[in-house]
Amino acid sequence: MKRHAMPQSKEGKWAFGLALAFRALMLLKGGEVISLPLPTPVIALAGYASLILGIVAFVRKDRSYGVLYALAIGILVLAWTLAELLFPH
């Protein structure tokens, strides 16, 4: 089975787009040249949505690299949130 680079399903495309949006917003939030005052929990919602839509696309047999990237971003956001809740500083 040939694996595509870009997602083929509608859910996969949304998941990939939200993962890219999460990455871009986090870069804008912590940039050295331009730093926008964006609330991190709001940005994290894009990561959670990316995870959920990525799981839906994966179950529906869309196993492209874009969906796998969206799943990785979503899992990292979930792990980061759980670490913040379990080990506050």
N, C-alpha and C. Protein backbone atom coordinates (compact mmCIF):
# COMPACT_ATOMS: atom_id res chain seq x y z
N MET A 1 0.84 -1.18 0.00
CA MET A 1 0.00 0.00 0.00
C MET A 1 0.89 1.25 0.00
N LYS A 2 0.60 2.13 -0.91
CA LYS A 2 1.39 3.35 -1.03
C LYS A 2 0.91 4.38 0.00
N ARG A 3 1.86 4.98 0.72
CA ARG A 3 1.51 5.99 1.72
C ARG A 3 1.68 7.37 1.10
N HIS A 4 0.65 8.17 1.20
CA HIS A 4 0.66 9.51 0.63
C HIS A 4 1.27 10.49 1.63
N ALA A 5 1.80 11.58 1.12
CA ALA A 5 2.35 12.63 1.99
C ALA A 5 1.22 13.48 2.57
N MET A 6 0.26 13.84 1.73
CA MET A 6 -0.85 14.67 2.17
C MET A 6 -2.08 13.80 2.45
N PRO A 7 -2.88 14.21 3.43
CA PRO A 7 -4.09 13.44 3.75
C PRO A 7 -5.07 13.41 2.58
N GLN A 8 -5.81 12.32 2.48
CA GLN A 8 -6.78 12.16 1.42
C GLN A 8 -8.20 12.43 1.88
N SER A 9 -8.51 12.21 3.16
CA SER A 9 -9.86 12.40 3.67
C SER A 9 -10.05 13.83 4.17
N LYS A 10 -11.32 14.21 4.31
CA LYS A 10 -11.63 15.56 4.80
C LYS A 10 -11.15 15.73 6.24
N GLU A 11 -11.34 14.69 7.07
CA GLU A 11 -10.90 14.76 8.46
C GLU A 11 -9.38 14.87 8.55
N GLY A 12 -8.69 14.13 7.69
CA GLY A 12 -7.24 14.17 7.67
C GLY A 12 -6.70 15.53 7.27
N LYS A 13 -7.35 16.16 6.30
CA LYS A 13 -6.93 17.49 5.88
C LYS A 13 -7.13 18.51 7.00
N TRP A 14 -8.26 18.42 7.70
CA TRP A 14 -8.51 19.31 8.83
C TRP A 14 -7.51 19.07 9.95
N ALA A 15 -7.23 17.81 10.24
CA ALA A 15 -6.28 17.49 11.30
C ALA A 15 -4.90 18.05 10.98
N PHE A 16 -4.47 17.89 9.74
CA PHE A 16 -3.16 18.39 9.33
C PHE A 16 -3.13 19.92 9.37
N GLY A 17 -4.19 20.55 8.91
CA GLY A 17 -4.27 22.00 8.95
C GLY A 17 -4.25 22.55 10.37
N LEU A 18 -4.96 21.91 11.28
CA LEU A 18 -4.97 22.35 12.68
C LEU A 18 -3.62 22.11 13.34
N ALA A 19 -2.93 21.04 12.97
CA ALA A 19 -1.60 20.80 13.53
C ALA A 19 -0.62 21.87 13.04
N LEU A 20 -0.73 22.26 11.78
CA LEU A 20 0.11 23.33 11.27
C LEU A 20 -0.23 24.67 11.92
N ALA A 21 -1.53 24.91 12.15
CA ALA A 21 -1.94 26.14 12.82
C ALA A 21 -1.40 26.18 14.25
N PHE A 22 -1.46 25.05 14.95
CA PHE A 22 -0.92 24.99 16.30
C PHE A 22 0.57 25.33 16.30
N ARG A 23 1.29 24.73 15.38
CA ARG A 23 2.74 24.96 15.30
C ARG A 23 3.05 26.43 14.98
N ALA A 24 2.32 27.01 14.04
CA ALA A 24 2.56 28.40 13.66
C ALA A 24 2.22 29.35 14.81
N LEU A 25 1.11 29.10 15.51
CA LEU A 25 0.72 29.97 16.62
C LEU A 25 1.70 29.87 17.79
N MET A 26 2.22 28.68 18.05
CA MET A 26 3.21 28.55 19.12
C MET A 26 4.51 29.25 18.74
N LEU A 27 4.88 29.21 17.47
CA LEU A 27 6.07 29.93 17.04
C LEU A 27 5.88 31.44 17.14
N LEU A 28 4.67 31.91 16.81
CA LEU A 28 4.39 33.34 16.93
C LEU A 28 4.33 33.78 18.39
N LYS A 29 3.86 32.90 19.25
CA LYS A 29 3.76 33.24 20.66
C LYS A 29 5.13 33.41 21.30
N GLY A 30 6.07 32.58 20.97
CA GLY A 30 7.37 32.61 21.60
C GLY A 30 8.48 33.11 20.72
N GLY A 31 8.14 33.84 19.68
CA GLY A 31 9.17 34.32 18.75
C GLY A 31 10.03 35.42 19.35
N GLU A 32 11.24 35.51 18.84
CA GLU A 32 12.16 36.55 19.31
C GLU A 32 11.91 37.87 18.60
N VAL A 33 11.61 37.82 17.31
CA VAL A 33 11.39 39.05 16.55
C VAL A 33 9.98 39.57 16.78
N ILE A 34 9.00 38.69 16.59
CA ILE A 34 7.60 39.04 16.81
C ILE A 34 7.06 38.11 17.89
N SER A 35 6.53 38.69 18.95
CA SER A 35 5.96 37.89 20.03
C SER A 35 4.53 38.37 20.29
N LEU A 36 3.57 37.55 19.92
CA LEU A 36 2.17 37.90 20.10
C LEU A 36 1.67 37.38 21.44
N PRO A 37 0.86 38.16 22.14
CA PRO A 37 0.33 37.72 23.44
C PRO A 37 -0.87 36.78 23.27
N LEU A 38 -0.61 35.57 22.86
CA LEU A 38 -1.66 34.58 22.65
C LEU A 38 -1.75 33.65 23.86
N PRO A 39 -2.96 33.38 24.37
CA PRO A 39 -3.09 32.45 25.49
C PRO A 39 -2.83 31.00 25.06
N THR A 40 -1.95 30.35 25.76
CA THR A 40 -1.56 28.99 25.40
C THR A 40 -2.72 27.99 25.46
N PRO A 41 -3.63 28.05 26.46
CA PRO A 41 -4.75 27.10 26.44
C PRO A 41 -5.63 27.20 25.20
N VAL A 42 -5.77 28.41 24.67
CA VAL A 42 -6.57 28.56 23.45
C VAL A 42 -5.84 27.94 22.26
N ILE A 43 -4.53 28.12 22.21
CA ILE A 43 -3.74 27.51 21.13
C ILE A 43 -3.77 25.99 21.26
N ALA A 44 -3.78 25.49 22.49
CA ALA A 44 -3.79 24.04 22.71
C ALA A 44 -5.07 23.40 22.19
N LEU A 45 -6.15 24.17 22.10
CA LEU A 45 -7.39 23.61 21.56
C LEU A 45 -7.20 23.15 20.11
N ALA A 46 -6.36 23.85 19.36
CA ALA A 46 -6.06 23.40 17.99
C ALA A 46 -5.33 22.06 18.02
N GLY A 47 -4.46 21.87 19.01
CA GLY A 47 -3.78 20.59 19.14
C GLY A 47 -4.70 19.45 19.51
N TYR A 48 -5.66 19.75 20.42
CA TYR A 48 -6.63 18.71 20.80
C TYR A 48 -7.53 18.34 19.62
N ALA A 49 -7.99 19.36 18.89
CA ALA A 49 -8.83 19.09 17.72
C ALA A 49 -8.06 18.30 16.67
N SER A 50 -6.78 18.61 16.53
CA SER A 50 -5.93 17.87 15.60
C SER A 50 -5.83 16.41 16.00
N LEU A 51 -5.70 16.15 17.30
CA LEU A 51 -5.63 14.77 17.78
C LEU A 51 -6.93 14.02 17.49
N ILE A 52 -8.06 14.63 17.81
CA ILE A 52 -9.35 13.96 17.62
C ILE A 52 -9.61 13.68 16.15
N LEU A 53 -9.41 14.69 15.30
CA LEU A 53 -9.63 14.48 13.87
C LEU A 53 -8.60 13.53 13.27
N GLY A 54 -7.40 13.54 13.80
CA GLY A 54 -6.38 12.60 13.34
C GLY A 54 -6.75 11.16 13.67
N ILE A 55 -7.31 10.95 14.85
CA ILE A 55 -7.76 9.60 15.22
C ILE A 55 -8.89 9.15 14.30
N VAL A 56 -9.84 10.05 14.03
CA VAL A 56 -10.95 9.72 13.13
C VAL A 56 -10.43 9.37 11.74
N ALA A 57 -9.50 10.17 11.23
CA ALA A 57 -8.94 9.90 9.90
C ALA A 57 -8.15 8.60 9.89
N PHE A 58 -7.42 8.32 10.96
CA PHE A 58 -6.63 7.09 11.02
C PHE A 58 -7.54 5.86 11.04
N VAL A 59 -8.63 5.94 11.78
CA VAL A 59 -9.57 4.82 11.84
C VAL A 59 -10.23 4.61 10.48
N ARG A 60 -10.43 5.68 9.75
CA ARG A 60 -11.03 5.58 8.42
C ARG A 60 -10.00 5.29 7.33
N LYS A 61 -8.86 4.75 7.72
CA LYS A 61 -7.82 4.24 6.81
C LYS A 61 -7.05 5.33 6.07
N ASP A 62 -6.99 6.56 6.61
CA ASP A 62 -6.13 7.59 6.03
C ASP A 62 -4.83 7.60 6.82
N ARG A 63 -3.82 6.93 6.29
CA ARG A 63 -2.56 6.77 7.00
C ARG A 63 -1.43 7.57 6.36
N SER A 64 -1.75 8.77 5.93
CA SER A 64 -0.74 9.61 5.28
C SER A 64 0.21 10.20 6.32
N TYR A 65 1.31 10.75 5.83
CA TYR A 65 2.28 11.37 6.73
C TYR A 65 1.70 12.60 7.41
N GLY A 66 0.81 13.30 6.73
CA GLY A 66 0.16 14.46 7.33
C GLY A 66 -0.70 14.09 8.53
N VAL A 67 -1.42 12.98 8.43
CA VAL A 67 -2.24 12.52 9.55
C VAL A 67 -1.34 12.05 10.69
N LEU A 68 -0.26 11.37 10.37
CA LEU A 68 0.66 10.94 11.42
C LEU A 68 1.30 12.13 12.12
N TYR A 69 1.60 13.19 11.37
CA TYR A 69 2.12 14.43 11.97
C TYR A 69 1.08 15.05 12.91
N ALA A 70 -0.17 15.08 12.47
CA ALA A 70 -1.24 15.63 13.30
C ALA A 70 -1.42 14.81 14.58
N LEU A 71 -1.33 13.51 14.47
CA LEU A 71 -1.42 12.65 15.65
C LEU A 71 -0.26 12.91 16.61
N ALA A 72 0.93 13.07 16.07
CA ALA A 72 2.10 13.33 16.92
C ALA A 72 1.96 14.66 17.66
N ILE A 73 1.52 15.70 16.96
CA ILE A 73 1.32 17.00 17.60
C ILE A 73 0.25 16.90 18.68
N GLY A 74 -0.85 16.23 18.38
CA GLY A 74 -1.93 16.08 19.36
C GLY A 74 -1.50 15.30 20.59
N ILE A 75 -0.72 14.25 20.40
CA ILE A 75 -0.24 13.46 21.54
C ILE A 75 0.71 14.29 22.39
N LEU A 76 1.57 15.09 21.75
CA LEU A 76 2.48 15.95 22.51
C LEU A 76 1.73 16.99 23.32
N VAL A 77 0.68 17.58 22.75
CA VAL A 77 -0.13 18.56 23.48
C VAL A 77 -0.83 17.89 24.66
N LEU A 78 -1.36 16.70 24.44
CA LEU A 78 -2.02 15.98 25.53
C LEU A 78 -1.03 15.62 26.63
N ALA A 79 0.16 15.14 26.27
CA ALA A 79 1.17 14.80 27.27
C ALA A 79 1.62 16.04 28.04
N TRP A 80 1.77 17.16 27.34
CA TRP A 80 2.16 18.41 27.98
C TRP A 80 1.10 18.85 28.99
N THR A 81 -0.18 18.75 28.61
CA THR A 81 -1.26 19.14 29.52
C THR A 81 -1.30 18.23 30.73
N LEU A 82 -1.18 16.94 30.52
CA LEU A 82 -1.20 16.00 31.64
C LEU A 82 -0.01 16.23 32.58
N ALA A 83 1.15 16.53 32.02
CA ALA A 83 2.33 16.81 32.85
C ALA A 83 2.11 18.08 33.67
N GLU A 84 1.50 19.10 33.09
CA GLU A 84 1.22 20.33 33.82
C GLU A 84 0.22 20.10 34.94
N LEU A 85 -0.74 19.23 34.72
CA LEU A 85 -1.75 18.96 35.75
C LEU A 85 -1.22 18.05 36.86
N LEU A 86 -0.42 17.07 36.48
CA LEU A 86 0.08 16.12 37.47
C LEU A 86 1.25 16.66 38.26
N PHE A 87 2.09 17.48 37.63
CA PHE A 87 3.28 18.03 38.29
C PHE A 87 3.31 19.54 38.18
N PRO A 88 2.44 20.23 38.93
CA PRO A 88 2.43 21.70 38.82
C PRO A 88 3.73 22.30 39.38
N HIS A 89 4.03 23.47 38.89
CA HIS A 89 5.25 24.12 39.36
C HIS A 89 4.96 25.48 39.91
